[in-house]
Amino acid sequence: MSSKLLPIDDVIERTGLSRRTLYQEISNNRFPRAVQLTARRVGWPEADVEKWISDKIAARDGVAA
């Protein structure tokens, strides 16, 4: 499992979501929450983002992830 934390720009690039949609998905508990790194910086565990993407693909294909 990767322990790398991704900045928001990388999360946006990997998921194709806009910043606004990303935060809406988080507030609706449909996307993993970020880890607070400093008072003004957050990061998302790479493994969480990759699992979210895999789950979306599995849902599209009708496969339980």
PDB file of N, CA and C in Angstrom:
ATOM      1  N   MET A   1       0.849  -1.181   0.000  1.00  0.00           N
ATOM      2  CA  MET A   1       0.000   0.000   0.000  1.00  0.00           C
ATOM      3  C   MET A   1       0.891   1.240   0.000  1.00  0.00           C
ATOM      4  N   SER A   2       0.506   2.191  -0.824  1.00  0.00           N
ATOM      5  CA  SER A   2       1.276   3.424  -0.937  1.00  0.00           C
ATOM      6  C   SER A   2       0.996   4.340   0.247  1.00  0.00           C
ATOM      7  N   SER A   3       2.038   4.974   0.741  1.00  0.00           N
ATOM      8  CA  SER A   3       1.857   5.915   1.841  1.00  0.00           C
ATOM      9  C   SER A   3       2.002   7.354   1.356  1.00  0.00           C
ATOM     10  N   LYS A   4       2.032   7.541   0.048  1.00  0.00           N
ATOM     11  CA  LYS A   4       2.186   8.876  -0.519  1.00  0.00           C
ATOM     12  C   LYS A   4       0.894   9.673  -0.361  1.00  0.00           C
ATOM     13  N   LEU A   5       1.037  10.940  -0.002  1.00  0.00           N
ATOM     14  CA  LEU A   5      -0.109  11.841   0.088  1.00  0.00           C
ATOM     15  C   LEU A   5      -0.125  12.748  -1.130  1.00  0.00           C
ATOM     16  N   LEU A   6      -1.282  12.826  -1.767  1.00  0.00           N
ATOM     17  CA  LEU A   6      -1.413  13.609  -2.995  1.00  0.00           C
ATOM     18  C   LEU A   6      -1.996  14.985  -2.713  1.00  0.00           C
ATOM     19  N   PRO A   7      -1.438  16.023  -3.320  1.00  0.00           N
ATOM     20  CA  PRO A   7      -2.031  17.355  -3.212  1.00  0.00           C
ATOM     21  C   PRO A   7      -3.302  17.419  -4.056  1.00  0.00           C
ATOM     22  N   ILE A   8      -4.114  18.405  -3.809  1.00  0.00           N
ATOM     23  CA  ILE A   8      -5.402  18.508  -4.483  1.00  0.00           C
ATOM     24  C   ILE A   8      -5.272  18.535  -6.004  1.00  0.00           C
ATOM     25  N   ASP A   9      -4.262  19.201  -6.533  1.00  0.00           N
ATOM     26  CA  ASP A   9      -4.117  19.250  -7.987  1.00  0.00           C
ATOM     27  C   ASP A   9      -3.916  17.855  -8.583  1.00  0.00           C
ATOM     28  N   ASP A  10      -3.173  17.000  -7.890  1.00  0.00           N
ATOM     29  CA  ASP A  10      -2.979  15.626  -8.365  1.00  0.00           C
ATOM     30  C   ASP A  10      -4.269  14.821  -8.264  1.00  0.00           C
ATOM     31  N   VAL A  11      -5.038  15.037  -7.204  1.00  0.00           N
ATOM     32  CA  VAL A  11      -6.315  14.338  -7.044  1.00  0.00           C
ATOM     33  C   VAL A  11      -7.269  14.753  -8.167  1.00  0.00           C
ATOM     34  N   ILE A  12      -7.321  16.028  -8.455  1.00  0.00           N
ATOM     35  CA  ILE A  12      -8.179  16.537  -9.529  1.00  0.00           C
ATOM     36  C   ILE A  12      -7.757  15.935 -10.867  1.00  0.00           C
ATOM     37  N   GLU A  13      -6.461  15.885 -11.116  1.00  0.00           N
ATOM     38  CA  GLU A  13      -5.956  15.329 -12.368  1.00  0.00           C
ATOM     39  C   GLU A  13      -6.284  13.845 -12.493  1.00  0.00           C
ATOM     40  N   ARG A  14      -6.097  13.085 -11.434  1.00  0.00           N
ATOM     41  CA  ARG A  14      -6.333  11.637 -11.491  1.00  0.00           C
ATOM     42  C   ARG A  14      -7.810  11.283 -11.601  1.00  0.00           C
ATOM     43  N   THR A  15      -8.667  12.065 -10.946  1.00  0.00           N
ATOM     44  CA  THR A  15     -10.085  11.717 -10.931  1.00  0.00           C
ATOM     45  C   THR A  15     -10.880  12.369 -12.052  1.00  0.00           C
ATOM     46  N   GLY A  16     -10.401  13.496 -12.549  1.00  0.00           N
ATOM     47  CA  GLY A  16     -11.149  14.233 -13.552  1.00  0.00           C
ATOM     48  C   GLY A  16     -12.254  15.091 -12.962  1.00  0.00           C
ATOM     49  N   LEU A  17     -12.318  15.154 -11.632  1.00  0.00           N
ATOM     50  CA  LEU A  17     -13.321  15.973 -10.956  1.00  0.00           C
ATOM     51  C   LEU A  17     -12.825  17.412 -10.852  1.00  0.00           C
ATOM     52  N   SER A  18     -13.755  18.343 -10.819  1.00  0.00           N
ATOM     53  CA  SER A  18     -13.387  19.725 -10.536  1.00  0.00           C
ATOM     54  C   SER A  18     -13.179  19.859  -9.030  1.00  0.00           C
ATOM     55  N   ARG A  19     -12.554  20.926  -8.622  1.00  0.00           N
ATOM     56  CA  ARG A  19     -12.341  21.179  -7.196  1.00  0.00           C
ATOM     57  C   ARG A  19     -13.685  21.232  -6.461  1.00  0.00           C
ATOM     58  N   ARG A  20     -14.645  21.929  -7.038  1.00  0.00           N
ATOM     59  CA  ARG A  20     -15.957  22.059  -6.398  1.00  0.00           C
ATOM     60  C   ARG A  20     -16.643  20.700  -6.263  1.00  0.00           C
ATOM     61  N   THR A  21     -16.622  19.914  -7.329  1.00  0.00           N
ATOM     62  CA  THR A  21     -17.257  18.600  -7.287  1.00  0.00           C
ATOM     63  C   THR A  21     -16.549  17.692  -6.291  1.00  0.00           C
ATOM     64  N   LEU A  22     -15.238  17.759  -6.243  1.00  0.00           N
ATOM     65  CA  LEU A  22     -14.476  16.958  -5.288  1.00  0.00           C
ATOM     66  C   LEU A  22     -14.941  17.249  -3.862  1.00  0.00           C
ATOM     67  N   TYR A  23     -15.027  18.519  -3.501  1.00  0.00           N
ATOM     68  CA  TYR A  23     -15.447  18.863  -2.146  1.00  0.00           C
ATOM     69  C   TYR A  23     -16.922  18.537  -1.898  1.00  0.00           C
ATOM     70  N   GLN A  24     -17.759  18.596  -2.932  1.00  0.00           N
ATOM     71  CA  GLN A  24     -19.154  18.165  -2.767  1.00  0.00           C
ATOM     72  C   GLN A  24     -19.213  16.667  -2.491  1.00  0.00           C
ATOM     73  N   GLU A  25     -18.422  15.895  -3.210  1.00  0.00           N
ATOM     74  CA  GLU A  25     -18.391  14.447  -3.005  1.00  0.00           C
ATOM     75  C   GLU A  25     -17.894  14.111  -1.597  1.00  0.00           C
ATOM     76  N   ILE A  26     -16.908  14.841  -1.123  1.00  0.00           N
ATOM     77  CA  ILE A  26     -16.409  14.621   0.241  1.00  0.00           C
ATOM     78  C   ILE A  26     -17.503  14.931   1.256  1.00  0.00           C
ATOM     79  N   SER A  27     -18.195  16.041   1.083  1.00  0.00           N
ATOM     80  CA  SER A  27     -19.230  16.417   2.058  1.00  0.00           C
ATOM     81  C   SER A  27     -20.411  15.460   2.022  1.00  0.00           C
ATOM     82  N   ASN A  28     -20.605  14.759   0.900  1.00  0.00           N
ATOM     83  CA  ASN A  28     -21.669  13.754   0.796  1.00  0.00           C
ATOM     84  C   ASN A  28     -21.161  12.342   1.100  1.00  0.00           C
ATOM     85  N   ASN A  29     -19.940  12.257   1.648  1.00  0.00           N
ATOM     86  CA  ASN A  29     -19.313  10.979   2.014  1.00  0.00           C
ATOM     87  C   ASN A  29     -19.194  10.018   0.843  1.00  0.00           C
ATOM     88  N   ARG A  30     -18.936  10.561  -0.353  1.00  0.00           N
ATOM     89  CA  ARG A  30     -18.752   9.727  -1.535  1.00  0.00           C
ATOM     90  C   ARG A  30     -17.318   9.774  -2.061  1.00  0.00           C
ATOM     91  N   PHE A  31     -16.450  10.460  -1.328  1.00  0.00           N
ATOM     92  CA  PHE A  31     -15.034  10.521  -1.680  1.00  0.00           C
ATOM     93  C   PHE A  31     -14.251  10.575  -0.380  1.00  0.00           C
ATOM     94  N   PRO A  32     -13.070   9.931  -0.339  1.00  0.00           N
ATOM     95  CA  PRO A  32     -12.278   9.927   0.905  1.00  0.00           C
ATOM     96  C   PRO A  32     -11.909  11.331   1.375  1.00  0.00           C
ATOM     97  N   ARG A  33     -11.899  11.505   2.678  1.00  0.00           N
ATOM     98  CA  ARG A  33     -11.516  12.781   3.267  1.00  0.00           C
ATOM     99  C   ARG A  33     -10.001  12.943   3.224  1.00  0.00           C
ATOM    100  N   ALA A  34      -9.577  14.172   3.196  1.00  0.00           N
ATOM    101  CA  ALA A  34      -8.151  14.498   3.176  1.00  0.00           C
ATOM    102  C   ALA A  34      -7.553  14.389   4.573  1.00  0.00           C
ATOM    103  N   VAL A  35      -6.243  14.305   4.597  1.00  0.00           N
ATOM    104  CA  VAL A  35      -5.466  14.311   5.837  1.00  0.00           C
ATOM    105  C   VAL A  35      -4.937  15.729   6.028  1.00  0.00           C
ATOM    106  N   GLN A  36      -5.163  16.304   7.194  1.00  0.00           N
ATOM    107  CA  GLN A  36      -4.661  17.656   7.479  1.00  0.00           C
ATOM    108  C   GLN A  36      -3.154  17.579   7.697  1.00  0.00           C
ATOM    109  N   LEU A  37      -2.383  18.270   6.875  1.00  0.00           N
ATOM    110  CA  LEU A  37      -0.930  18.238   6.969  1.00  0.00           C
ATOM    111  C   LEU A  37      -0.392  19.415   7.773  1.00  0.00           C
ATOM    112  N   THR A  38      -0.917  20.590   7.477  1.00  0.00           N
ATOM    113  CA  THR A  38      -0.577  21.800   8.223  1.00  0.00           C
ATOM    114  C   THR A  38      -1.870  22.593   8.361  1.00  0.00           C
ATOM    115  N   ALA A  39      -1.776  23.775   8.907  1.00  0.00           N
ATOM    116  CA  ALA A  39      -2.980  24.590   9.074  1.00  0.00           C
ATOM    117  C   ALA A  39      -3.637  24.923   7.731  1.00  0.00           C
ATOM    118  N   ARG A  40      -2.837  24.980   6.657  1.00  0.00           N
ATOM    119  CA  ARG A  40      -3.376  25.386   5.359  1.00  0.00           C
ATOM    120  C   ARG A  40      -3.161  24.371   4.248  1.00  0.00           C
ATOM    121  N   ARG A  41      -2.759  23.164   4.591  1.00  0.00           N
ATOM    122  CA  ARG A  41      -2.431  22.170   3.566  1.00  0.00           C
ATOM    123  C   ARG A  41      -3.013  20.819   3.920  1.00  0.00           C
ATOM    124  N   VAL A  42      -3.626  20.163   2.922  1.00  0.00           N
ATOM    125  CA  VAL A  42      -4.148  18.812   3.097  1.00  0.00           C
ATOM    126  C   VAL A  42      -3.603  17.923   1.995  1.00  0.00           C
ATOM    127  N   GLY A  43      -3.717  16.628   2.193  1.00  0.00           N
ATOM    128  CA  GLY A  43      -3.308  15.663   1.183  1.00  0.00           C
ATOM    129  C   GLY A  43      -4.189  14.436   1.278  1.00  0.00           C
ATOM    130  N   TRP A  44      -4.343  13.745   0.173  1.00  0.00           N
ATOM    131  CA  TRP A  44      -5.152  12.525   0.138  1.00  0.00           C
ATOM    132  C   TRP A  44      -4.232  11.336  -0.010  1.00  0.00           C
ATOM    133  N   PRO A  45      -4.436  10.297   0.809  1.00  0.00           N
ATOM    134  CA  PRO A  45      -3.637   9.090   0.631  1.00  0.00           C
ATOM    135  C   PRO A  45      -3.850   8.531  -0.785  1.00  0.00           C
ATOM    136  N   GLU A  46      -2.753   8.290  -1.469  1.00  0.00           N
ATOM    137  CA  GLU A  46      -2.822   7.803  -2.843  1.00  0.00           C
ATOM    138  C   GLU A  46      -3.647   6.524  -2.938  1.00  0.00           C
ATOM    139  N   ALA A  47      -3.500   5.633  -1.969  1.00  0.00           N
ATOM    140  CA  ALA A  47      -4.243   4.374  -1.983  1.00  0.00           C
ATOM    141  C   ALA A  47      -5.753   4.620  -1.918  1.00  0.00           C
ATOM    142  N   ASP A  48      -6.182   5.612  -1.150  1.00  0.00           N
ATOM    143  CA  ASP A  48      -7.614   5.931  -1.055  1.00  0.00           C
ATOM    144  C   ASP A  48      -8.160   6.430  -2.395  1.00  0.00           C
ATOM    145  N   VAL A  49      -7.386   7.270  -3.061  1.00  0.00           N
ATOM    146  CA  VAL A  49      -7.809   7.814  -4.359  1.00  0.00           C
ATOM    147  C   VAL A  49      -7.864   6.694  -5.390  1.00  0.00           C
ATOM    148  N   GLU A  50      -6.855   5.843  -5.408  1.00  0.00           N
ATOM    149  CA  GLU A  50      -6.825   4.732  -6.359  1.00  0.00           C
ATOM    150  C   GLU A  50      -7.973   3.752  -6.100  1.00  0.00           C
ATOM    151  N   LYS A  51      -8.304   3.500  -4.846  1.00  0.00           N
ATOM    152  CA  LYS A  51      -9.426   2.613  -4.526  1.00  0.00           C
ATOM    153  C   LYS A  51     -10.741   3.229  -4.994  1.00  0.00           C
ATOM    154  N   TRP A  52     -10.909   4.529  -4.814  1.00  0.00           N
ATOM    155  CA  TRP A  52     -12.121   5.206  -5.270  1.00  0.00           C
ATOM    156  C   TRP A  52     -12.268   5.048  -6.780  1.00  0.00           C
ATOM    157  N   ILE A  53     -11.171   5.222  -7.499  1.00  0.00           N
ATOM    158  CA  ILE A  53     -11.203   5.064  -8.952  1.00  0.00           C
ATOM    159  C   ILE A  53     -11.553   3.620  -9.322  1.00  0.00           C
ATOM    160  N   SER A  54     -10.922   2.664  -8.662  1.00  0.00           N
ATOM    161  CA  SER A  54     -11.202   1.248  -8.921  1.00  0.00           C
ATOM    162  C   SER A  54     -12.659   0.910  -8.637  1.00  0.00           C
ATOM    163  N   ASP A  55     -13.192   1.449  -7.552  1.00  0.00           N
ATOM    164  CA  ASP A  55     -14.597   1.210  -7.207  1.00  0.00           C
ATOM    165  C   ASP A  55     -15.534   1.771  -8.273  1.00  0.00           C
ATOM    166  N   LYS A  56     -15.210   2.939  -8.817  1.00  0.00           N
ATOM    167  CA  LYS A  56     -16.026   3.534  -9.872  1.00  0.00           C
ATOM    168  C   LYS A  56     -16.008   2.666 -11.132  1.00  0.00           C
ATOM    169  N   ILE A  57     -14.855   2.138 -11.481  1.00  0.00           N
ATOM    170  CA  ILE A  57     -14.735   1.269 -12.654  1.00  0.00           C
ATOM    171  C   ILE A  57     -15.504  -0.026 -12.416  1.00  0.00           C
ATOM    172  N   ALA A  58     -15.366  -0.597 -11.226  1.00  0.00           N
ATOM    173  CA  ALA A  58     -16.084  -1.831 -10.902  1.00  0.00           C
ATOM    174  C   ALA A  58     -17.591  -1.627 -10.948  1.00  0.00           C
ATOM    175  N   ALA A  59     -18.052  -0.467 -10.459  1.00  0.00           N
ATOM    176  CA  ALA A  59     -19.498  -0.166 -10.492  1.00  0.00           C
ATOM    177  C   ALA A  59     -19.976  -0.059 -11.937  1.00  0.00           C
ATOM    178  N   ARG A  60     -19.176   0.562 -12.767  1.00  0.00           N
ATOM    179  CA  ARG A  60     -19.529   0.681 -14.180  1.00  0.00           C
ATOM    180  C   ARG A  60     -19.644  -0.692 -14.840  1.00  0.00           C
ATOM    181  N   ASP A  61     -18.726  -1.591 -14.464  1.00  0.00           N
ATOM    182  CA  ASP A  61     -18.684  -2.927 -15.058  1.00  0.00           C
ATOM    183  C   ASP A  61     -19.627  -3.914 -14.373  1.00  0.00           C
ATOM    184  N   GLY A  62     -20.293  -3.452 -13.307  1.00  0.00           N
ATOM    185  CA  GLY A  62     -21.219  -4.326 -12.584  1.00  0.00           C
ATOM    186  C   GLY A  62     -20.509  -5.396 -11.769  1.00  0.00           C
ATOM    187  N   VAL A  63     -19.313  -5.076 -11.320  1.00  0.00           N
ATOM    188  CA  VAL A  63     -18.510  -6.008 -10.536  1.00  0.00           C
ATOM    189  C   VAL A  63     -18.371  -5.476  -9.131  1.00  0.00           C
ATOM    190  N   ALA A  64     -18.523  -6.349  -8.137  1.00  0.00           N
ATOM    191  CA  ALA A  64     -18.313  -5.925  -6.753  1.00  0.00           C
ATOM    192  C   ALA A  64     -16.828  -5.704  -6.531  1.00  0.00           C
ATOM    193  N   ALA A  65     -16.466  -4.531  -6.022  1.00  0.00           N
ATOM    194  CA  ALA A  65     -15.049  -4.200  -5.798  1.00  0.00           C
ATOM    195  C   ALA A  65     -14.559  -4.739  -4.484  1.00  0.00           C
TER     196      ALA A  65
END
